Amino acid sequence: MGFFVEDISIFYLTLYGGIVIGLLFDLYRALRSNFKIVKKISFLFDAIFWLLITIVIFTTINLLEKFDLRYYHFVALFLGFILYYNTISKYIFTVFNKLISFITCLFKKTVHYIVGFLNNLYYIIIYSIHLIFDIICYIPSVLLSTKRKRKNKKGVGA
């Protein structure tokens, strides 16, 4: 009787692995629907997705059974995924979409403000250098030219 209860508890724990796979699947779908780049290089994201699922499966089986693989592990993983997908997947998918939209909007605004700040900083630096250049070059030449005009006026009238 003890082995049966242990197998049932391991079965339920493996169901959670299927739910985690469902969460990863919804995250993957949300990323694909929000970013065009993911659609263009989907083969790379497919490989990353399947690699993550493989890691979840092996981690689940290793933590529960130390790689003592049994058929009900795969049944439980599949049932956990189906259970998740048919119950709360659409709500989690909506949450992931809104979260990704919020993060991308926040990132875009942050980049926009940083670029605006750097643009203003650029003009402050350029105009400061321009002012220093004017002080060094233009003002002495104006003073010298007015001094020459005064000499010319004194020389012409004499």
Foldseek 3Di string as FASTA:
>chain_A
DVVVVLVVVLLQLLLVLLLVLLLLVLLLVLVVVPDVVCVVPVVVVVVVSVVVNVVSLVVSCCVRPVPPDDPSSVVSSVVSNVVNCVPCSVVSSVVSNVVVVVVVVVVVVVVVVVVVVVVVVVVVVVVVVVVVVCVVPVVVVVVVVVVVVVVVVVVVVD
